[in-house]
Amino acid sequence: MYVEERMYTLQIGKAAEYFKNYEQFGLKVQLKHLPNLVGYYVTEVGALNMVIHLWAYDSLDQRDRCRAAMRADPAWRAYLAKTHPLMETQETRIMKCAPFFVERLKTMLAAVK
């Protein structure tokens, strides 16, 4: 399994607007296309104005298919038009689960569904 970590640095003072847009427009379309939301966070200590979210995939091929379908969705493009102006930077990291953690992650994800 793979976990994608997406990190956005927002403009100062724009977190409330970002979360409002995400909750109203982004979350629904992401959950429609992406299989496993692991977590969604905002920084409290350290580098501030950061939003971090984690998504789990069975394979990199699954990630590519899911993200392509989402990018083709007009609702996703409309959401991006609202959100991109609030962002300063974006960073993405894809991590492969340690062998001993794969089953634990699958169990955690199954408990949420």
PDB file of N, CA and C in Angstrom:
ATOM      1  N   MET A   1       0.846  -1.190   0.000  1.00  0.00           N
ATOM      2  CA  MET A   1       0.000   0.000   0.000  1.00  0.00           C
ATOM      3  C   MET A   1       0.879   1.238   0.000  1.00  0.00           C
ATOM      4  N   TYR A   2       0.288   2.311  -0.495  1.00  0.00           N
ATOM      5  CA  TYR A   2       0.972   3.591  -0.561  1.00  0.00           C
ATOM      6  C   TYR A   2       0.115   4.649   0.119  1.00  0.00           C
ATOM      7  N   VAL A   3       0.785   5.609   0.754  1.00  0.00           N
ATOM      8  CA  VAL A   3       0.096   6.753   1.341  1.00  0.00           C
ATOM      9  C   VAL A   3       0.683   8.003   0.710  1.00  0.00           C
ATOM     10  N   GLU A   4      -0.203   8.834   0.208  1.00  0.00           N
ATOM     11  CA  GLU A   4       0.202  10.112  -0.363  1.00  0.00           C
ATOM     12  C   GLU A   4      -0.030  11.202   0.673  1.00  0.00           C
ATOM     13  N   GLU A   5       1.003  11.974   0.919  1.00  0.00           N
ATOM     14  CA  GLU A   5       0.926  13.113   1.833  1.00  0.00           C
ATOM     15  C   GLU A   5       0.952  14.375   0.983  1.00  0.00           C
ATOM     16  N   ARG A   6      -0.088  15.173   1.107  1.00  0.00           N
ATOM     17  CA  ARG A   6      -0.184  16.421   0.364  1.00  0.00           C
ATOM     18  C   ARG A   6      -0.134  17.566   1.365  1.00  0.00           C
ATOM     19  N   MET A   7       0.771  18.502   1.141  1.00  0.00           N
ATOM     20  CA  MET A   7       0.985  19.607   2.077  1.00  0.00           C
ATOM     21  C   MET A   7       0.840  20.927   1.332  1.00  0.00           C
ATOM     22  N   TYR A   8      -0.045  21.768   1.830  1.00  0.00           N
ATOM     23  CA  TYR A   8      -0.273  23.081   1.235  1.00  0.00           C
ATOM     24  C   TYR A   8       0.056  24.144   2.263  1.00  0.00           C
ATOM     25  N   THR A   9       0.814  25.142   1.858  1.00  0.00           N
ATOM     26  CA  THR A   9       1.012  26.316   2.687  1.00  0.00           C
ATOM     27  C   THR A   9       0.049  27.376   2.177  1.00  0.00           C
ATOM     28  N   LEU A  10      -0.812  27.844   3.069  1.00  0.00           N
ATOM     29  CA  LEU A  10      -1.827  28.824   2.707  1.00  0.00           C
ATOM     30  C   LEU A  10      -1.333  30.236   2.963  1.00  0.00           C
ATOM     31  N   GLN A  11      -1.942  31.182   2.293  1.00  0.00           N
ATOM     32  CA  GLN A  11      -1.668  32.579   2.597  1.00  0.00           C
ATOM     33  C   GLN A  11      -2.102  32.846   4.031  1.00  0.00           C
ATOM     34  N   ILE A  12      -1.382  33.715   4.711  1.00  0.00           N
ATOM     35  CA  ILE A  12      -1.714  34.050   6.097  1.00  0.00           C
ATOM     36  C   ILE A  12      -3.152  34.565   6.167  1.00  0.00           C
ATOM     37  N   GLY A  13      -3.897  34.027   7.117  1.00  0.00           N
ATOM     38  CA  GLY A  13      -5.273  34.456   7.334  1.00  0.00           C
ATOM     39  C   GLY A  13      -6.303  33.818   6.413  1.00  0.00           C
ATOM     40  N   LYS A  14      -5.912  32.856   5.591  1.00  0.00           N
ATOM     41  CA  LYS A  14      -6.840  32.262   4.622  1.00  0.00           C
ATOM     42  C   LYS A  14      -7.310  30.862   5.005  1.00  0.00           C
ATOM     43  N   ALA A  15      -6.917  30.353   6.151  1.00  0.00           N
ATOM     44  CA  ALA A  15      -7.282  28.982   6.530  1.00  0.00           C
ATOM     45  C   ALA A  15      -8.792  28.801   6.642  1.00  0.00           C
ATOM     46  N   ALA A  16      -9.485  29.726   7.262  1.00  0.00           N
ATOM     47  CA  ALA A  16     -10.937  29.578   7.428  1.00  0.00           C
ATOM     48  C   ALA A  16     -11.631  29.516   6.069  1.00  0.00           C
ATOM     49  N   GLU A  17     -11.219  30.367   5.135  1.00  0.00           N
ATOM     50  CA  GLU A  17     -11.808  30.350   3.793  1.00  0.00           C
ATOM     51  C   GLU A  17     -11.483  29.040   3.069  1.00  0.00           C
ATOM     52  N   TYR A  18     -10.239  28.580   3.217  1.00  0.00           N
ATOM     53  CA  TYR A  18      -9.839  27.308   2.599  1.00  0.00           C
ATOM     54  C   TYR A  18     -10.720  26.166   3.113  1.00  0.00           C
ATOM     55  N   PHE A  19     -10.855  26.058   4.436  1.00  0.00           N
ATOM     56  CA  PHE A  19     -11.637  24.958   5.005  1.00  0.00           C
ATOM     57  C   PHE A  19     -13.119  25.069   4.648  1.00  0.00           C
ATOM     58  N   LYS A  20     -13.646  26.273   4.580  1.00  0.00           N
ATOM     59  CA  LYS A  20     -15.042  26.453   4.168  1.00  0.00           C
ATOM     60  C   LYS A  20     -15.230  25.941   2.738  1.00  0.00           C
ATOM     61  N   ASN A  21     -14.347  26.349   1.828  1.00  0.00           N
ATOM     62  CA  ASN A  21     -14.424  25.884   0.441  1.00  0.00           C
ATOM     63  C   ASN A  21     -14.261  24.371   0.359  1.00  0.00           C
ATOM     64  N   TYR A  22     -13.303  23.839   1.114  1.00  0.00           N
ATOM     65  CA  TYR A  22     -13.062  22.397   1.059  1.00  0.00           C
ATOM     66  C   TYR A  22     -14.280  21.623   1.554  1.00  0.00           C
ATOM     67  N   GLU A  23     -14.821  22.054   2.683  1.00  0.00           N
ATOM     68  CA  GLU A  23     -15.968  21.341   3.244  1.00  0.00           C
ATOM     69  C   GLU A  23     -17.179  21.426   2.316  1.00  0.00           C
ATOM     70  N   GLN A  24     -17.404  22.584   1.684  1.00  0.00           N
ATOM     71  CA  GLN A  24     -18.563  22.759   0.815  1.00  0.00           C
ATOM     72  C   GLN A  24     -18.389  22.118  -0.559  1.00  0.00           C
ATOM     73  N   PHE A  25     -17.176  22.175  -1.119  1.00  0.00           N
ATOM     74  CA  PHE A  25     -16.993  21.789  -2.519  1.00  0.00           C
ATOM     75  C   PHE A  25     -15.962  20.678  -2.754  1.00  0.00           C
ATOM     76  N   GLY A  26     -14.880  20.663  -2.004  1.00  0.00           N
ATOM     77  CA  GLY A  26     -13.786  19.747  -2.297  1.00  0.00           C
ATOM     78  C   GLY A  26     -13.937  18.352  -1.720  1.00  0.00           C
ATOM     79  N   LEU A  27     -14.364  18.268  -0.474  1.00  0.00           N
ATOM     80  CA  LEU A  27     -14.415  16.979   0.215  1.00  0.00           C
ATOM     81  C   LEU A  27     -15.300  15.981  -0.526  1.00  0.00           C
ATOM     82  N   LYS A  28     -16.487  16.400  -0.905  1.00  0.00           N
ATOM     83  CA  LYS A  28     -17.437  15.488  -1.557  1.00  0.00           C
ATOM     84  C   LYS A  28     -16.860  14.910  -2.849  1.00  0.00           C
ATOM     85  N   VAL A  29     -16.248  15.756  -3.666  1.00  0.00           N
ATOM     86  CA  VAL A  29     -15.725  15.271  -4.941  1.00  0.00           C
ATOM     87  C   VAL A  29     -14.492  14.383  -4.726  1.00  0.00           C
ATOM     88  N   GLN A  30     -13.678  14.698  -3.725  1.00  0.00           N
ATOM     89  CA  GLN A  30     -12.535  13.825  -3.447  1.00  0.00           C
ATOM     90  C   GLN A  30     -13.000  12.464  -2.955  1.00  0.00           C
ATOM     91  N   LEU A  31     -13.966  12.442  -2.045  1.00  0.00           N
ATOM     92  CA  LEU A  31     -14.459  11.158  -1.545  1.00  0.00           C
ATOM     93  C   LEU A  31     -15.144  10.349  -2.639  1.00  0.00           C
ATOM     94  N   LYS A  32     -15.658  11.013  -3.648  1.00  0.00           N
ATOM     95  CA  LYS A  32     -16.263  10.328  -4.795  1.00  0.00           C
ATOM     96  C   LYS A  32     -15.207   9.576  -5.608  1.00  0.00           C
ATOM     97  N   HIS A  33     -13.997  10.139  -5.703  1.00  0.00           N
ATOM     98  CA  HIS A  33     -12.979   9.587  -6.601  1.00  0.00           C
ATOM     99  C   HIS A  33     -11.813   8.887  -5.903  1.00  0.00           C
ATOM    100  N   LEU A  34     -11.458   9.332  -4.712  1.00  0.00           N
ATOM    101  CA  LEU A  34     -10.271   8.789  -4.037  1.00  0.00           C
ATOM    102  C   LEU A  34     -10.700   7.769  -2.988  1.00  0.00           C
ATOM    103  N   PRO A  35      -9.978   6.656  -2.871  1.00  0.00           N
ATOM    104  CA  PRO A  35     -10.479   5.540  -2.075  1.00  0.00           C
ATOM    105  C   PRO A  35     -10.413   5.705  -0.559  1.00  0.00           C
ATOM    106  N   ASN A  36      -9.338   6.270  -0.019  1.00  0.00           N
ATOM    107  CA  ASN A  36      -9.153   6.196   1.431  1.00  0.00           C
ATOM    108  C   ASN A  36      -8.547   7.473   1.995  1.00  0.00           C
ATOM    109  N   LEU A  37      -9.385   8.291   2.606  1.00  0.00           N
ATOM    110  CA  LEU A  37      -8.884   9.461   3.322  1.00  0.00           C
ATOM    111  C   LEU A  37      -8.368   8.988   4.677  1.00  0.00           C
ATOM    112  N   VAL A  38      -7.071   9.145   4.904  1.00  0.00           N
ATOM    113  CA  VAL A  38      -6.448   8.702   6.151  1.00  0.00           C
ATOM    114  C   VAL A  38      -6.523   9.797   7.203  1.00  0.00           C
ATOM    115  N   GLY A  39      -6.360  11.051   6.800  1.00  0.00           N
ATOM    116  CA  GLY A  39      -6.422  12.146   7.753  1.00  0.00           C
ATOM    117  C   GLY A  39      -6.318  13.493   7.069  1.00  0.00           C
ATOM    118  N   TYR A  40      -6.794  14.534   7.767  1.00  0.00           N
ATOM    119  CA  TYR A  40      -6.765  15.904   7.258  1.00  0.00           C
ATOM    120  C   TYR A  40      -6.408  16.791   8.442  1.00  0.00           C
ATOM    121  N   TYR A  41      -5.332  17.550   8.327  1.00  0.00           N
ATOM    122  CA  TYR A  41      -4.764  18.247   9.479  1.00  0.00           C
ATOM    123  C   TYR A  41      -4.370  19.680   9.142  1.00  0.00           C
ATOM    124  N   VAL A  42      -4.243  20.477  10.170  1.00  0.00           N
ATOM    125  CA  VAL A  42      -3.701  21.831  10.064  1.00  0.00           C
ATOM    126  C   VAL A  42      -2.624  21.960  11.143  1.00  0.00           C
ATOM    127  N   THR A  43      -1.547  22.650  10.830  1.00  0.00           N
ATOM    128  CA  THR A  43      -0.448  22.754  11.784  1.00  0.00           C
ATOM    129  C   THR A  43      -0.806  23.700  12.930  1.00  0.00           C
ATOM    130  N   GLU A  44      -0.345  23.354  14.118  1.00  0.00           N
ATOM    131  CA  GLU A  44      -0.501  24.162  15.326  1.00  0.00           C
ATOM    132  C   GLU A  44       0.843  24.683  15.817  1.00  0.00           C
ATOM    133  N   VAL A  45       1.892  23.910  15.600  1.00  0.00           N
ATOM    134  CA  VAL A  45       3.239  24.253  16.060  1.00  0.00           C
ATOM    135  C   VAL A  45       4.182  24.031  14.883  1.00  0.00           C
ATOM    136  N   GLY A  46       5.204  24.831  14.802  1.00  0.00           N
ATOM    137  CA  GLY A  46       6.162  24.712  13.695  1.00  0.00           C
ATOM    138  C   GLY A  46       5.740  25.620  12.560  1.00  0.00           C
ATOM    139  N   ALA A  47       5.948  25.177  11.339  1.00  0.00           N
ATOM    140  CA  ALA A  47       5.536  25.960  10.174  1.00  0.00           C
ATOM    141  C   ALA A  47       4.009  26.104  10.199  1.00  0.00           C
ATOM    142  N   LEU A  48       3.538  27.324  10.238  1.00  0.00           N
ATOM    143  CA  LEU A  48       2.102  27.572  10.370  1.00  0.00           C
ATOM    144  C   LEU A  48       1.455  27.746   9.003  1.00  0.00           C
ATOM    145  N   ASN A  49       0.128  27.814   9.008  1.00  0.00           N
ATOM    146  CA  ASN A  49      -0.666  27.999   7.788  1.00  0.00           C
ATOM    147  C   ASN A  49      -0.520  26.825   6.832  1.00  0.00           C
ATOM    148  N   MET A  50      -0.257  25.651   7.382  1.00  0.00           N
ATOM    149  CA  MET A  50      -0.121  24.455   6.559  1.00  0.00           C
ATOM    150  C   MET A  50      -1.312  23.530   6.748  1.00  0.00           C
ATOM    151  N   VAL A  51      -1.765  22.963   5.642  1.00  0.00           N
ATOM    152  CA  VAL A  51      -2.796  21.938   5.628  1.00  0.00           C
ATOM    153  C   VAL A  51      -2.130  20.681   5.103  1.00  0.00           C
ATOM    154  N   ILE A  52      -2.338  19.575   5.810  1.00  0.00           N
ATOM    155  CA  ILE A  52      -1.752  18.299   5.405  1.00  0.00           C
ATOM    156  C   ILE A  52      -2.872  17.276   5.326  1.00  0.00           C
ATOM    157  N   HIS A  53      -2.941  16.546   4.220  1.00  0.00           N
ATOM    158  CA  HIS A  53      -3.903  15.451   4.149  1.00  0.00           C
ATOM    159  C   HIS A  53      -3.236  14.228   3.569  1.00  0.00           C
ATOM    160  N   LEU A  54      -3.736  13.075   4.002  1.00  0.00           N
ATOM    161  CA  LEU A  54      -3.153  11.780   3.659  1.00  0.00           C
ATOM    162  C   LEU A  54      -4.212  10.907   2.996  1.00  0.00           C
ATOM    163  N   TRP A  55      -3.797  10.246   1.900  1.00  0.00           N
ATOM    164  CA  TRP A  55      -4.685   9.365   1.147  1.00  0.00           C
ATOM    165  C   TRP A  55      -3.978   8.037   0.929  1.00  0.00           C
ATOM    166  N   ALA A  56      -4.669   6.931   1.146  1.00  0.00           N
ATOM    167  CA  ALA A  56      -4.084   5.605   0.968  1.00  0.00           C
ATOM    168  C   ALA A  56      -4.583   4.983  -0.334  1.00  0.00           C
ATOM    169  N   TYR A  57      -3.668   4.259  -0.982  1.00  0.00           N
ATOM    170  CA  TYR A  57      -3.962   3.571  -2.241  1.00  0.00           C
ATOM    171  C   TYR A  57      -3.366   2.172  -2.193  1.00  0.00           C
ATOM    172  N   ASP A  58      -4.012   1.240  -2.868  1.00  0.00           N
ATOM    173  CA  ASP A  58      -3.472  -0.109  -2.964  1.00  0.00           C
ATOM    174  C   ASP A  58      -2.226  -0.151  -3.836  1.00  0.00           C
ATOM    175  N   SER A  59      -2.179   0.710  -4.859  1.00  0.00           N
ATOM    176  CA  SER A  59      -1.049   0.721  -5.792  1.00  0.00           C
ATOM    177  C   SER A  59      -0.906   2.117  -6.394  1.00  0.00           C
ATOM    178  N   LEU A  60       0.219   2.360  -7.026  1.00  0.00           N
ATOM    179  CA  LEU A  60       0.410   3.631  -7.717  1.00  0.00           C
ATOM    180  C   LEU A  60      -0.485   3.716  -8.945  1.00  0.00           C
ATOM    181  N   ASP A  61      -0.777   2.569  -9.561  1.00  0.00           N
ATOM    182  CA  ASP A  61      -1.712   2.559 -10.689  1.00  0.00           C
ATOM    183  C   ASP A  61      -3.108   2.994 -10.238  1.00  0.00           C
ATOM    184  N   GLN A  62      -3.538   2.510  -9.078  1.00  0.00           N
ATOM    185  CA  GLN A  62      -4.836   2.929  -8.553  1.00  0.00           C
ATOM    186  C   GLN A  62      -4.849   4.432  -8.317  1.00  0.00           C
ATOM    187  N   ARG A  63      -3.773   4.957  -7.741  1.00  0.00           N
ATOM    188  CA  ARG A  63      -3.676   6.406  -7.511  1.00  0.00           C
ATOM    189  C   ARG A  63      -3.822   7.161  -8.824  1.00  0.00           C
ATOM    190  N   ASP A  64      -3.097   6.743  -9.845  1.00  0.00           N
ATOM    191  CA  ASP A  64      -3.142   7.425 -11.138  1.00  0.00           C
ATOM    192  C   ASP A  64      -4.560   7.417 -11.719  1.00  0.00           C
ATOM    193  N   ARG A  65      -5.228   6.276 -11.668  1.00  0.00           N
ATOM    194  CA  ARG A  65      -6.593   6.174 -12.204  1.00  0.00           C
ATOM    195  C   ARG A  65      -7.569   7.069 -11.430  1.00  0.00           C
ATOM    196  N   CYS A  66      -7.483   7.014 -10.117  1.00  0.00           N
ATOM    197  CA  CYS A  66      -8.402   7.790  -9.280  1.00  0.00           C
ATOM    198  C   CYS A  66      -8.196   9.290  -9.472  1.00  0.00           C
ATOM    199  N   ARG A  67      -6.949   9.709  -9.489  1.00  0.00           N
ATOM    200  CA  ARG A  67      -6.668  11.141  -9.627  1.00  0.00           C
ATOM    201  C   ARG A  67      -7.027  11.639 -11.030  1.00  0.00           C
ATOM    202  N   ALA A  68      -6.846  10.803 -12.051  1.00  0.00           N
ATOM    203  CA  ALA A  68      -7.233  11.200 -13.412  1.00  0.00           C
ATOM    204  C   ALA A  68      -8.747  11.402 -13.494  1.00  0.00           C
ATOM    205  N   ALA A  69      -9.497  10.499 -12.890  1.00  0.00           N
ATOM    206  CA  ALA A  69     -10.962  10.630 -12.883  1.00  0.00           C
ATOM    207  C   ALA A  69     -11.381  11.900 -12.142  1.00  0.00           C
ATOM    208  N   MET A  70     -10.719  12.191 -11.032  1.00  0.00           N
ATOM    209  CA  MET A  70     -11.051  13.393 -10.276  1.00  0.00           C
ATOM    210  C   MET A  70     -10.721  14.650 -11.076  1.00  0.00           C
ATOM    211  N   ARG A  71      -9.557  14.671 -11.717  1.00  0.00           N
ATOM    212  CA  ARG A  71      -9.169  15.845 -12.511  1.00  0.00           C
ATOM    213  C   ARG A  71     -10.142  16.095 -13.665  1.00  0.00           C
ATOM    214  N   ALA A  72     -10.780  15.057 -14.165  1.00  0.00           N
ATOM    215  CA  ALA A  72     -11.737  15.193 -15.270  1.00  0.00           C
ATOM    216  C   ALA A  72     -13.115  15.662 -14.796  1.00  0.00           C
ATOM    217  N   ASP A  73     -13.348  15.649 -13.515  1.00  0.00           N
ATOM    218  CA  ASP A  73     -14.653  16.011 -12.952  1.00  0.00           C
ATOM    219  C   ASP A  73     -14.800  17.538 -12.932  1.00  0.00           C
ATOM    220  N   PRO A  74     -15.821  18.088 -13.584  1.00  0.00           N
ATOM    221  CA  PRO A  74     -16.020  19.548 -13.583  1.00  0.00           C
ATOM    222  C   PRO A  74     -16.166  20.136 -12.175  1.00  0.00           C
ATOM    223  N   ALA A  75     -16.739  19.384 -11.255  1.00  0.00           N
ATOM    224  CA  ALA A  75     -16.877  19.876  -9.875  1.00  0.00           C
ATOM    225  C   ALA A  75     -15.508  20.067  -9.232  1.00  0.00           C
ATOM    226  N   TRP A  76     -14.552  19.202  -9.549  1.00  0.00           N
ATOM    227  CA  TRP A  76     -13.197  19.336  -9.009  1.00  0.00           C
ATOM    228  C   TRP A  76     -12.521  20.575  -9.594  1.00  0.00           C
ATOM    229  N   ARG A  77     -12.671  20.782 -10.884  1.00  0.00           N
ATOM    230  CA  ARG A  77     -12.058  21.959 -11.517  1.00  0.00           C
ATOM    231  C   ARG A  77     -12.645  23.249 -10.943  1.00  0.00           C
ATOM    232  N   ALA A  78     -13.942  23.260 -10.676  1.00  0.00           N
ATOM    233  CA  ALA A  78     -14.584  24.437 -10.073  1.00  0.00           C
ATOM    234  C   ALA A  78     -14.044  24.684  -8.664  1.00  0.00           C
ATOM    235  N   TYR A  79     -13.856  23.611  -7.917  1.00  0.00           N
ATOM    236  CA  TYR A  79     -13.291  23.743  -6.577  1.00  0.00           C
ATOM    237  C   TYR A  79     -11.872  24.313  -6.634  1.00  0.00           C
ATOM    238  N   LEU A  80     -11.057  23.804  -7.551  1.00  0.00           N
ATOM    239  CA  LEU A  80      -9.675  24.289  -7.661  1.00  0.00           C
ATOM    240  C   LEU A  80      -9.633  25.778  -7.971  1.00  0.00           C
ATOM    241  N   ALA A  81     -10.557  26.260  -8.780  1.00  0.00           N
ATOM    242  CA  ALA A  81     -10.587  27.687  -9.114  1.00  0.00           C
ATOM    243  C   ALA A  81     -10.812  28.540  -7.869  1.00  0.00           C
ATOM    244  N   LYS A  82     -11.541  28.022  -6.899  1.00  0.00           N
ATOM    245  CA  LYS A  82     -11.773  28.744  -5.644  1.00  0.00           C
ATOM    246  C   LYS A  82     -10.581  28.637  -4.691  1.00  0.00           C
ATOM    247  N   THR A  83      -9.876  27.516  -4.752  1.00  0.00           N
ATOM    248  CA  THR A  83      -8.860  27.203  -3.747  1.00  0.00           C
ATOM    249  C   THR A  83      -7.453  27.648  -4.121  1.00  0.00           C
ATOM    250  N   HIS A  84      -7.076  27.494  -5.360  1.00  0.00           N
ATOM    251  CA  HIS A  84      -5.690  27.823  -5.752  1.00  0.00           C
ATOM    252  C   HIS A  84      -5.259  29.228  -5.367  1.00  0.00           C
ATOM    253  N   PRO A  85      -6.119  30.253  -5.468  1.00  0.00           N
ATOM    254  CA  PRO A  85      -5.673  31.588  -5.068  1.00  0.00           C
ATOM    255  C   PRO A  85      -5.323  31.720  -3.576  1.00  0.00           C
ATOM    256  N   LEU A  86      -5.746  30.765  -2.755  1.00  0.00           N
ATOM    257  CA  LEU A  86      -5.474  30.817  -1.316  1.00  0.00           C
ATOM    258  C   LEU A  86      -4.138  30.181  -0.952  1.00  0.00           C
ATOM    259  N   MET A  87      -3.515  29.489  -1.905  1.00  0.00           N
ATOM    260  CA  MET A  87      -2.314  28.700  -1.633  1.00  0.00           C
ATOM    261  C   MET A  87      -1.047  29.447  -2.013  1.00  0.00           C
ATOM    262  N   GLU A  88      -0.016  29.216  -1.197  1.00  0.00           N
ATOM    263  CA  GLU A  88       1.325  29.731  -1.499  1.00  0.00           C
ATOM    264  C   GLU A  88       2.184  28.651  -2.154  1.00  0.00           C
ATOM    265  N   THR A  89       2.190  27.459  -1.537  1.00  0.00           N
ATOM    266  CA  THR A  89       3.009  26.358  -2.053  1.00  0.00           C
ATOM    267  C   THR A  89       2.263  25.039  -1.893  1.00  0.00           C
ATOM    268  N   GLN A  90       2.725  24.050  -2.655  1.00  0.00           N
ATOM    269  CA  GLN A  90       2.184  22.695  -2.556  1.00  0.00           C
ATOM    270  C   GLN A  90       3.346  21.723  -2.625  1.00  0.00           C
ATOM    271  N   GLU A  91       3.281  20.712  -1.796  1.00  0.00           N
ATOM    272  CA  GLU A  91       4.293  19.656  -1.811  1.00  0.00           C
ATOM    273  C   GLU A  91       3.570  18.323  -1.671  1.00  0.00           C
ATOM    274  N   THR A  92       4.027  17.343  -2.404  1.00  0.00           N
ATOM    275  CA  THR A  92       3.424  16.016  -2.351  1.00  0.00           C
ATOM    276  C   THR A  92       4.519  14.980  -2.144  1.00  0.00           C
ATOM    277  N   ARG A  93       4.216  14.026  -1.289  1.00  0.00           N
ATOM    278  CA  ARG A  93       5.163  12.934  -1.025  1.00  0.00           C
ATOM    279  C   ARG A  93       4.363  11.639  -1.065  1.00  0.00           C
ATOM    280  N   ILE A  94       4.909  10.625  -1.731  1.00  0.00           N
ATOM    281  CA  ILE A  94       4.270   9.310  -1.758  1.00  0.00           C
ATOM    282  C   ILE A  94       5.161   8.347  -0.989  1.00  0.00           C
ATOM    283  N   MET A  95       4.547   7.672  -0.031  1.00  0.00           N
ATOM    284  CA  MET A  95       5.290   6.771   0.851  1.00  0.00           C
ATOM    285  C   MET A  95       4.750   5.359   0.712  1.00  0.00           C
ATOM    286  N   LYS A  96       5.627   4.395   0.701  1.00  0.00           N
ATOM    287  CA  LYS A  96       5.241   2.987   0.672  1.00  0.00           C
ATOM    288  C   LYS A  96       5.188   2.485   2.111  1.00  0.00           C
ATOM    289  N   CYS A  97       4.110   1.770   2.454  1.00  0.00           N
ATOM    290  CA  CYS A  97       3.967   1.264   3.817  1.00  0.00           C
ATOM    291  C   CYS A  97       5.077   0.269   4.145  1.00  0.00           C
ATOM    292  N   ALA A  98       5.553   0.344   5.354  1.00  0.00           N
ATOM    293  CA  ALA A  98       6.487  -0.664   5.850  1.00  0.00           C
ATOM    294  C   ALA A  98       5.757  -2.006   5.853  1.00  0.00           C
ATOM    295  N   PRO A  99       6.457  -3.098   5.569  1.00  0.00           N
ATOM    296  CA  PRO A  99       5.789  -4.406   5.450  1.00  0.00           C
ATOM    297  C   PRO A  99       4.916  -4.762   6.657  1.00  0.00           C
ATOM    298  N   PHE A 100       5.368  -4.436   7.855  1.00  0.00           N
ATOM    299  CA  PHE A 100       4.612  -4.801   9.051  1.00  0.00           C
ATOM    300  C   PHE A 100       3.394  -3.913   9.270  1.00  0.00           C
ATOM    301  N   PHE A 101       3.254  -2.812   8.509  1.00  0.00           N
ATOM    302  CA  PHE A 101       2.164  -1.870   8.740  1.00  0.00           C
ATOM    303  C   PHE A 101       1.005  -2.021   7.752  1.00  0.00           C
ATOM    304  N   VAL A 102       1.200  -2.766   6.678  1.00  0.00           N
ATOM    305  CA  VAL A 102       0.171  -2.873   5.639  1.00  0.00           C
ATOM    306  C   VAL A 102      -1.147  -3.391   6.218  1.00  0.00           C
ATOM    307  N   GLU A 103      -1.120  -4.495   6.916  1.00  0.00           N
ATOM    308  CA  GLU A 103      -2.362  -5.074   7.460  1.00  0.00           C
ATOM    309  C   GLU A 103      -2.995  -4.157   8.494  1.00  0.00           C
ATOM    310  N   ARG A 104      -2.186  -3.492   9.286  1.00  0.00           N
ATOM    311  CA  ARG A 104      -2.713  -2.559  10.284  1.00  0.00           C
ATOM    312  C   ARG A 104      -3.446  -1.402   9.600  1.00  0.00           C
ATOM    313  N   LEU A 105      -2.852  -0.856   8.534  1.00  0.00           N
ATOM    314  CA  LEU A 105      -3.491   0.230   7.808  1.00  0.00           C
ATOM    315  C   LEU A 105      -4.797  -0.248   7.177  1.00  0.00           C
ATOM    316  N   LYS A 106      -4.806  -1.427   6.591  1.00  0.00           N
ATOM    317  CA  LYS A 106      -6.038  -1.964   6.007  1.00  0.00           C
ATOM    318  C   LYS A 106      -7.120  -2.132   7.061  1.00  0.00           C
ATOM    319  N   THR A 107      -6.750  -2.584   8.249  1.00  0.00           N
ATOM    320  CA  THR A 107      -7.704  -2.732   9.344  1.00  0.00           C
ATOM    321  C   THR A 107      -8.251  -1.372   9.769  1.00  0.00           C
ATOM    322  N   MET A 108      -7.374  -0.391   9.862  1.00  0.00           N
ATOM    323  CA  MET A 108      -7.811   0.970  10.240  1.00  0.00           C
ATOM    324  C   MET A 108      -8.771   1.530   9.201  1.00  0.00           C
ATOM    325  N   LEU A 109      -8.462   1.350   7.938  1.00  0.00           N
ATOM    326  CA  LEU A 109      -9.325   1.873   6.865  1.00  0.00           C
ATOM    327  C   LEU A 109     -10.661   1.158   6.834  1.00  0.00           C
ATOM    328  N   ALA A 110     -10.660  -0.146   7.070  1.00  0.00           N
ATOM    329  CA  ALA A 110     -11.907  -0.918   7.078  1.00  0.00           C
ATOM    330  C   ALA A 110     -12.825  -0.465   8.210  1.00  0.00           C
ATOM    331  N   ALA A 111     -12.243  -0.053   9.325  1.00  0.00           N
ATOM    332  CA  ALA A 111     -13.044   0.378  10.478  1.00  0.00           C
ATOM    333  C   ALA A 111     -13.769   1.685  10.194  1.00  0.00           C
ATOM    334  N   VAL A 112     -13.260   2.486   9.268  1.00  0.00           N
ATOM    335  CA  VAL A 112     -13.854   3.784   8.955  1.00  0.00           C
ATOM    336  C   VAL A 112     -14.981   3.664   7.941  1.00  0.00           C
ATOM    337  N   LYS A 113     -14.940   2.656   7.099  1.00  0.00           N
ATOM    338  CA  LYS A 113     -15.952   2.533   6.031  1.00  0.00           C
ATOM    339  C   LYS A 113     -17.299   2.121   6.523  1.00  0.00           C
TER     340      LYS A 113
END
